[in-house]
PDB file of N, CA and C in Angstrom:
ATOM      1  N   MET A   1     -70.319-224.769  86.661  1.00  0.00           N
ATOM      2  CA  MET A   1     -69.947-225.611  87.789  1.00  0.00           C
ATOM      3  C   MET A   1     -71.095-225.597  88.796  1.00  0.00           C
ATOM      4  N   ARG A   2     -71.358-226.740  89.343  1.00  0.00           N
ATOM      5  CA  ARG A   2     -72.514-226.855  90.241  1.00  0.00           C
ATOM      6  C   ARG A   2     -72.315-226.171  91.592  1.00  0.00           C
ATOM      7  N   HIS A   3     -71.095-225.792  91.918  1.00  0.00           N
ATOM      8  CA  HIS A   3     -70.814-225.173  93.216  1.00  0.00           C
ATOM      9  C   HIS A   3     -70.610-223.662  93.142  1.00  0.00           C
ATOM     10  N   ASP A   4     -70.775-223.074  91.969  1.00  0.00           N
ATOM     11  CA  ASP A   4     -70.526-221.631  91.822  1.00  0.00           C
ATOM     12  C   ASP A   4     -71.337-220.796  92.802  1.00  0.00           C
ATOM     13  N   TRP A   5     -72.541-221.211  93.085  1.00  0.00           N
ATOM     14  CA  TRP A   5     -73.424-220.424  93.954  1.00  0.00           C
ATOM     15  C   TRP A   5     -72.825-220.232  95.341  1.00  0.00           C
ATOM     16  N   ILE A   6     -72.126-221.239  95.855  1.00  0.00           N
ATOM     17  CA  ILE A   6     -71.591-221.117  97.211  1.00  0.00           C
ATOM     18  C   ILE A   6     -70.473-220.075  97.257  1.00  0.00           C
ATOM     19  N   PHE A   7     -69.692-219.986  96.170  1.00  0.00           N
ATOM     20  CA  PHE A   7     -68.656-218.959  96.102  1.00  0.00           C
ATOM     21  C   PHE A   7     -69.294-217.573  96.098  1.00  0.00           C
ATOM     22  N   ASP A   8     -70.388-217.431  95.363  1.00  0.00           N
ATOM     23  CA  ASP A   8     -71.101-216.148  95.322  1.00  0.00           C
ATOM     24  C   ASP A   8     -71.637-215.765  96.700  1.00  0.00           C
ATOM     25  N   VAL A   9     -72.227-216.718  97.397  1.00  0.00           N
ATOM     26  CA  VAL A   9     -72.790-216.448  98.727  1.00  0.00           C
ATOM     27  C   VAL A   9     -71.695-216.028  99.701  1.00  0.00           C
ATOM     28  N   LEU A  10     -70.595-216.752  99.705  1.00  0.00           N
ATOM     29  CA  LEU A  10     -69.510-216.434 100.634  1.00  0.00           C
ATOM     30  C   LEU A  10     -68.849-215.097 100.301  1.00  0.00           C
ATOM     31  N   THR A  11     -68.718-214.804  99.013  1.00  0.00           N
ATOM     32  CA  THR A  11     -68.163-213.516  98.601  1.00  0.00           C
ATOM     33  C   THR A  11     -69.090-212.377  99.012  1.00  0.00           C
ATOM     34  N   ASP A  12     -70.392-212.573  98.826  1.00  0.00           N
ATOM     35  CA  ASP A  12     -71.368-211.562  99.254  1.00  0.00           C
ATOM     36  C   ASP A  12     -71.327-211.354 100.767  1.00  0.00           C
ATOM     37  N   LEU A  13     -71.202-212.441 101.513  1.00  0.00           N
ATOM     38  CA  LEU A  13     -71.123-212.342 102.970  1.00  0.00           C
ATOM     39  C   LEU A  13     -69.878-211.560 103.389  1.00  0.00           C
ATOM     40  N   GLN A  14     -68.770-211.851 102.759  1.00  0.00           N
ATOM     41  CA  GLN A  14     -67.537-211.137 103.079  1.00  0.00           C
ATOM     42  C   GLN A  14     -67.683-209.646 102.763  1.00  0.00           C
ATOM     43  N   SER A  15     -68.241-209.339 101.613  1.00  0.00           N
ATOM     44  CA  SER A  15     -68.451-207.943 101.219  1.00  0.00           C
ATOM     45  C   SER A  15     -69.369-207.218 102.203  1.00  0.00           C
ATOM     46  N   TYR A  16     -70.450-207.869 102.587  1.00  0.00           N
ATOM     47  CA  TYR A  16     -71.385-207.296 103.560  1.00  0.00           C
ATOM     48  C   TYR A  16     -70.672-207.004 104.880  1.00  0.00           C
ATOM     49  N   ALA A  17     -69.896-207.982 105.336  1.00  0.00           N
ATOM     50  CA  ALA A  17     -69.199-207.825 106.612  1.00  0.00           C
ATOM     51  C   ALA A  17     -68.222-206.653 106.568  1.00  0.00           C
ATOM     52  N   LEU A  18     -67.488-206.526 105.477  1.00  0.00           N
ATOM     53  CA  LEU A  18     -66.532-205.422 105.356  1.00  0.00           C
ATOM     54  C   LEU A  18     -67.234-204.070 105.336  1.00  0.00           C
ATOM     55  N   LYS A  19     -68.348-203.988 104.636  1.00  0.00           N
ATOM     56  CA  LYS A  19     -69.084-202.722 104.525  1.00  0.00           C
ATOM     57  C   LYS A  19     -69.778-202.333 105.822  1.00  0.00           C
ATOM     58  N   ASN A  20     -70.001-203.304 106.700  1.00  0.00           N
ATOM     59  CA  ASN A  20     -70.754-203.044 107.924  1.00  0.00           C
ATOM     60  C   ASN A  20     -69.914-203.154 109.192  1.00  0.00           C
ATOM     61  N   GLY A  21     -68.599-203.042 109.038  1.00  0.00           N
ATOM     62  CA  GLY A  21     -67.722-203.004 110.204  1.00  0.00           C
ATOM     63  C   GLY A  21     -67.654-204.300 110.987  1.00  0.00           C
ATOM     64  N   LEU A  22     -67.688-205.415 110.283  1.00  0.00           N
ATOM     65  CA  LEU A  22     -67.619-206.730 110.928  1.00  0.00           C
ATOM     66  C   LEU A  22     -66.360-207.464 110.439  1.00  0.00           C
ATOM     67  N   PRO A  23     -65.195-207.023 110.886  1.00  0.00           N
ATOM     68  CA  PRO A  23     -63.948-207.577 110.353  1.00  0.00           C
ATOM     69  C   PRO A  23     -63.725-209.054 110.661  1.00  0.00           C
ATOM     70  N   ARG A  24     -64.157-209.506 111.821  1.00  0.00           N
ATOM     71  CA  ARG A  24     -63.973-210.934 112.147  1.00  0.00           C
ATOM     72  C   ARG A  24     -64.836-211.805 111.250  1.00  0.00           C
ATOM     73  N   LEU A  25     -66.054-211.366 111.005  1.00  0.00           N
ATOM     74  CA  LEU A  25     -66.934-212.108 110.099  1.00  0.00           C
ATOM     75  C   LEU A  25     -66.355-212.111 108.685  1.00  0.00           C
ATOM     76  N   ALA A  26     -65.824-210.969 108.245  1.00  0.00           N
ATOM     77  CA  ALA A  26     -65.209-210.887 106.916  1.00  0.00           C
ATOM     78  C   ALA A  26     -64.028-211.845 106.797  1.00  0.00           C
ATOM     79  N   ALA A  27     -63.205-211.893 107.827  1.00  0.00           N
ATOM     80  CA  ALA A  27     -62.051-212.792 107.821  1.00  0.00           C
ATOM     81  C   ALA A  27     -62.495-214.248 107.808  1.00  0.00           C
ATOM     82  N   GLN A  28     -63.526-214.559 108.570  1.00  0.00           N
ATOM     83  CA  GLN A  28     -64.032-215.932 108.608  1.00  0.00           C
ATOM     84  C   GLN A  28     -64.640-216.324 107.261  1.00  0.00           C
ATOM     85  N   ALA A  29     -65.349-215.395 106.631  1.00  0.00           N
ATOM     86  CA  ALA A  29     -65.924-215.671 105.308  1.00  0.00           C
ATOM     87  C   ALA A  29     -64.814-215.914 104.289  1.00  0.00           C
ATOM     88  N   GLU A  30     -63.739-215.137 104.377  1.00  0.00           N
ATOM     89  CA  GLU A  30     -62.598-215.327 103.476  1.00  0.00           C
ATOM     90  C   GLU A  30     -61.964-216.704 103.683  1.00  0.00           C
ATOM     91  N   GLU A  31     -61.784-217.091 104.930  1.00  0.00           N
ATOM     92  CA  GLU A  31     -61.214-218.411 105.243  1.00  0.00           C
ATOM     93  C   GLU A  31     -62.135-219.528 104.750  1.00  0.00           C
ATOM     94  N   THR A  32     -63.422-219.366 104.959  1.00  0.00           N
ATOM     95  CA  THR A  32     -64.390-220.369 104.514  1.00  0.00           C
ATOM     96  C   THR A  32     -64.395-220.474 102.994  1.00  0.00           C
ATOM     97  N   LEU A  33     -64.264-219.365 102.315  1.00  0.00           N
ATOM     98  CA  LEU A  33     -64.190-219.359 100.856  1.00  0.00           C
ATOM     99  C   LEU A  33     -62.945-220.101 100.375  1.00  0.00           C
ATOM    100  N   ARG A  34     -61.826-219.875 101.039  1.00  0.00           N
ATOM    101  CA  ARG A  34     -60.583-220.571 100.687  1.00  0.00           C
ATOM    102  C   ARG A  34     -60.732-222.079 100.865  1.00  0.00           C
ATOM    103  N   ILE A  35     -61.331-222.483 101.975  1.00  0.00           N
ATOM    104  CA  ILE A  35     -61.544-223.904 102.246  1.00  0.00           C
ATOM    105  C   ILE A  35     -62.496-224.510 101.217  1.00  0.00           C
ATOM    106  N   ALA A  36     -63.566-223.801 100.908  1.00  0.00           N
ATOM    107  CA  ALA A  36     -64.536-224.300  99.925  1.00  0.00           C
ATOM    108  C   ALA A  36     -63.868-224.514  98.570  1.00  0.00           C
ATOM    109  N   ARG A  37     -63.059-223.556  98.145  1.00  0.00           N
ATOM    110  CA  ARG A  37     -62.364-223.701  96.858  1.00  0.00           C
ATOM    111  C   ARG A  37     -61.449-224.923  96.864  1.00  0.00           C
ATOM    112  N   ALA A  38     -60.704-225.097  97.940  1.00  0.00           N
ATOM    113  CA  ALA A  38     -59.766-226.218  98.029  1.00  0.00           C
ATOM    114  C   ALA A  38     -60.495-227.557  98.039  1.00  0.00           C
ATOM    115  N   GLU A  39     -61.535-227.670  98.847  1.00  0.00           N
ATOM    116  CA  GLU A  39     -62.257-228.940  98.936  1.00  0.00           C
ATOM    117  C   GLU A  39     -62.970-229.282  97.634  1.00  0.00           C
ATOM    118  N   ILE A  40     -63.559-228.288  97.009  1.00  0.00           N
ATOM    119  CA  ILE A  40     -64.271-228.532  95.760  1.00  0.00           C
ATOM    120  C   ILE A  40     -63.284-228.895  94.653  1.00  0.00           C
ATOM    121  N   ALA A  41     -62.119-228.268  94.643  1.00  0.00           N
ATOM    122  CA  ALA A  41     -61.091-228.619  93.663  1.00  0.00           C
ATOM    123  C   ALA A  41     -60.605-230.051  93.866  1.00  0.00           C
ATOM    124  N   MET A  42     -60.410-230.457  95.121  1.00  0.00           N
ATOM    125  CA  MET A  42     -59.992-231.836  95.397  1.00  0.00           C
ATOM    126  C   MET A  42     -61.068-232.820  94.967  1.00  0.00           C
ATOM    127  N   GLN A  43     -62.313-232.490  95.229  1.00  0.00           N
ATOM    128  CA  GLN A  43     -63.426-233.349  94.839  1.00  0.00           C
ATOM    129  C   GLN A  43     -63.484-233.485  93.316  1.00  0.00           C
ATOM    130  N   ALA A  44     -63.308-232.388  92.607  1.00  0.00           N
ATOM    131  CA  ALA A  44     -63.338-232.415  91.147  1.00  0.00           C
ATOM    132  C   ALA A  44     -62.190-233.259  90.602  1.00  0.00           C
ATOM    133  N   SER A  45     -61.009-233.154  91.213  1.00  0.00           N
ATOM    134  CA  SER A  45     -59.865-233.956  90.780  1.00  0.00           C
ATOM    135  C   SER A  45     -60.124-235.438  90.990  1.00  0.00           C
ATOM    136  N   ALA A  46     -60.689-235.783  92.130  1.00  0.00           N
ATOM    137  CA  ALA A  46     -60.992-237.186  92.426  1.00  0.00           C
ATOM    138  C   ALA A  46     -62.027-237.730  91.453  1.00  0.00           C
ATOM    139  N   GLU A  47     -63.026-236.931  91.123  1.00  0.00           N
ATOM    140  CA  GLU A  47     -64.046-237.364  90.171  1.00  0.00           C
ATOM    141  C   GLU A  47     -63.446-237.542  88.782  1.00  0.00           C
ATOM    142  N   ALA A  48     -62.527-236.660  88.388  1.00  0.00           N
ATOM    143  CA  ALA A  48     -61.886-236.765  87.079  1.00  0.00           C
ATOM    144  C   ALA A  48     -61.046-238.032  86.989  1.00  0.00           C
ATOM    145  N   VAL A  49     -60.339-238.366  88.050  1.00  0.00           N
ATOM    146  CA  VAL A  49     -59.541-239.588  88.073  1.00  0.00           C
ATOM    147  C   VAL A  49     -60.453-240.804  87.983  1.00  0.00           C
ATOM    148  N   GLY A  50     -61.542-240.791  88.705  1.00  0.00           N
ATOM    149  CA  GLY A  50     -62.498-241.893  88.655  1.00  0.00           C
ATOM    150  C   GLY A  50     -63.105-242.055  87.282  1.00  0.00           C
ATOM    151  N   ASP A  51     -63.418-240.956  86.617  1.00  0.00           N
ATOM    152  CA  ASP A  51     -63.993-241.011  85.277  1.00  0.00           C
ATOM    153  C   ASP A  51     -63.005-241.572  84.270  1.00  0.00           C
ATOM    154  N   SER A  52     -61.739-241.206  84.379  1.00  0.00           N
ATOM    155  CA  SER A  52     -60.756-241.710  83.423  1.00  0.00           C
ATOM    156  C   SER A  52     -60.495-243.197  83.649  1.00  0.00           C
ATOM    157  N   ALA A  53     -60.588-243.651  84.884  1.00  0.00           N
ATOM    158  CA  ALA A  53     -60.389-245.073  85.171  1.00  0.00           C
ATOM    159  C   ALA A  53     -61.535-245.908  84.618  1.00  0.00           C
ATOM    160  N   LYS A  54     -62.730-245.339  84.568  1.00  0.00           N
ATOM    161  CA  LYS A  54     -63.881-246.066  84.040  1.00  0.00           C
ATOM    162  C   LYS A  54     -63.715-246.373  82.561  1.00  0.00           C
ATOM    163  N   GLY A  55     -63.006-245.551  81.839  1.00  0.00           N
ATOM    164  CA  GLY A  55     -62.822-245.743  80.409  1.00  0.00           C
ATOM    165  C   GLY A  55     -61.770-246.780  80.063  1.00  0.00           C
ATOM    166  N   GLN A  56     -61.142-247.392  81.032  1.00  0.00           N
ATOM    167  CA  GLN A  56     -60.071-248.349  80.792  1.00  0.00           C
ATOM    168  C   GLN A  56     -60.570-249.672  80.226  1.00  0.00           C
ATOM    169  N   GLY A  57     -61.798-250.030  80.473  1.00  0.00           N
ATOM    170  CA  GLY A  57     -62.342-251.270  79.942  1.00  0.00           C
ATOM    171  C   GLY A  57     -61.767-252.522  80.566  1.00  0.00           C
ATOM    172  N   GLY A  58     -61.126-252.416  81.688  1.00  0.00           N
ATOM    173  CA  GLY A  58     -60.605-253.594  82.368  1.00  0.00           C
ATOM    174  C   GLY A  58     -59.329-254.148  81.755  1.00  0.00           C
ATOM    175  N   ILE A  59     -58.680-253.400  80.879  1.00  0.00           N
ATOM    176  CA  ILE A  59     -57.450-253.881  80.262  1.00  0.00           C
ATOM    177  C   ILE A  59     -56.273-253.499  81.156  1.00  0.00           C
ATOM    178  N   PRO A  60     -55.474-254.471  81.570  1.00  0.00           N
ATOM    179  CA  PRO A  60     -54.342-254.194  82.450  1.00  0.00           C
ATOM    180  C   PRO A  60     -53.230-253.460  81.698  1.00  0.00           C
ATOM    181  N   PRO A  61     -52.246-252.925  82.431  1.00  0.00           N
ATOM    182  CA  PRO A  61     -51.162-252.177  81.793  1.00  0.00           C
ATOM    183  C   PRO A  61     -50.412-252.962  80.720  1.00  0.00           C
ATOM    184  N   GLY A  62     -50.376-254.280  80.822  1.00  0.00           N
ATOM    185  CA  GLY A  62     -49.702-255.107  79.818  1.00  0.00           C
ATOM    186  C   GLY A  62     -50.407-255.104  78.471  1.00  0.00           C
ATOM    187  N   GLY A  63     -51.663-254.671  78.438  1.00  0.00           N
ATOM    188  CA  GLY A  63     -52.383-254.538  77.190  1.00  0.00           C
ATOM    189  C   GLY A  63     -53.275-255.702  76.820  1.00  0.00           C
ATOM    190  N   ARG A  64     -53.217-256.806  77.544  1.00  0.00           N
ATOM    191  CA  ARG A  64     -54.060-257.957  77.216  1.00  0.00           C
ATOM    192  C   ARG A  64     -55.178-258.103  78.230  1.00  0.00           C
ATOM    193  N   PRO A  65     -56.425-258.161  77.761  1.00  0.00           N
ATOM    194  CA  PRO A  65     -57.534-258.368  78.701  1.00  0.00           C
ATOM    195  C   PRO A  65     -57.468-259.750  79.326  1.00  0.00           C
ATOM    196  N   ASN A  66     -58.018-259.863  80.511  1.00  0.00           N
ATOM    197  CA  ASN A  66     -58.046-261.161  81.205  1.00  0.00           C
ATOM    198  C   ASN A  66     -59.051-262.080  80.582  1.00  0.00           C
TER     199      ASN A  66
END
């Protein structure tokens, strides 16, 4: 997946914050990671829907091309 690196960076940031006594930063990194996962999942779903629509060939639900 092209976005895997951002999950790694945010996870590393959260880990660093926890190890160095920065609880607010750790919490913010966790929230940002959650948002990133949700947005990227929505983007992937939208792209998948768009890709499947491209394969329709312009044939309407009735089955006869215009």
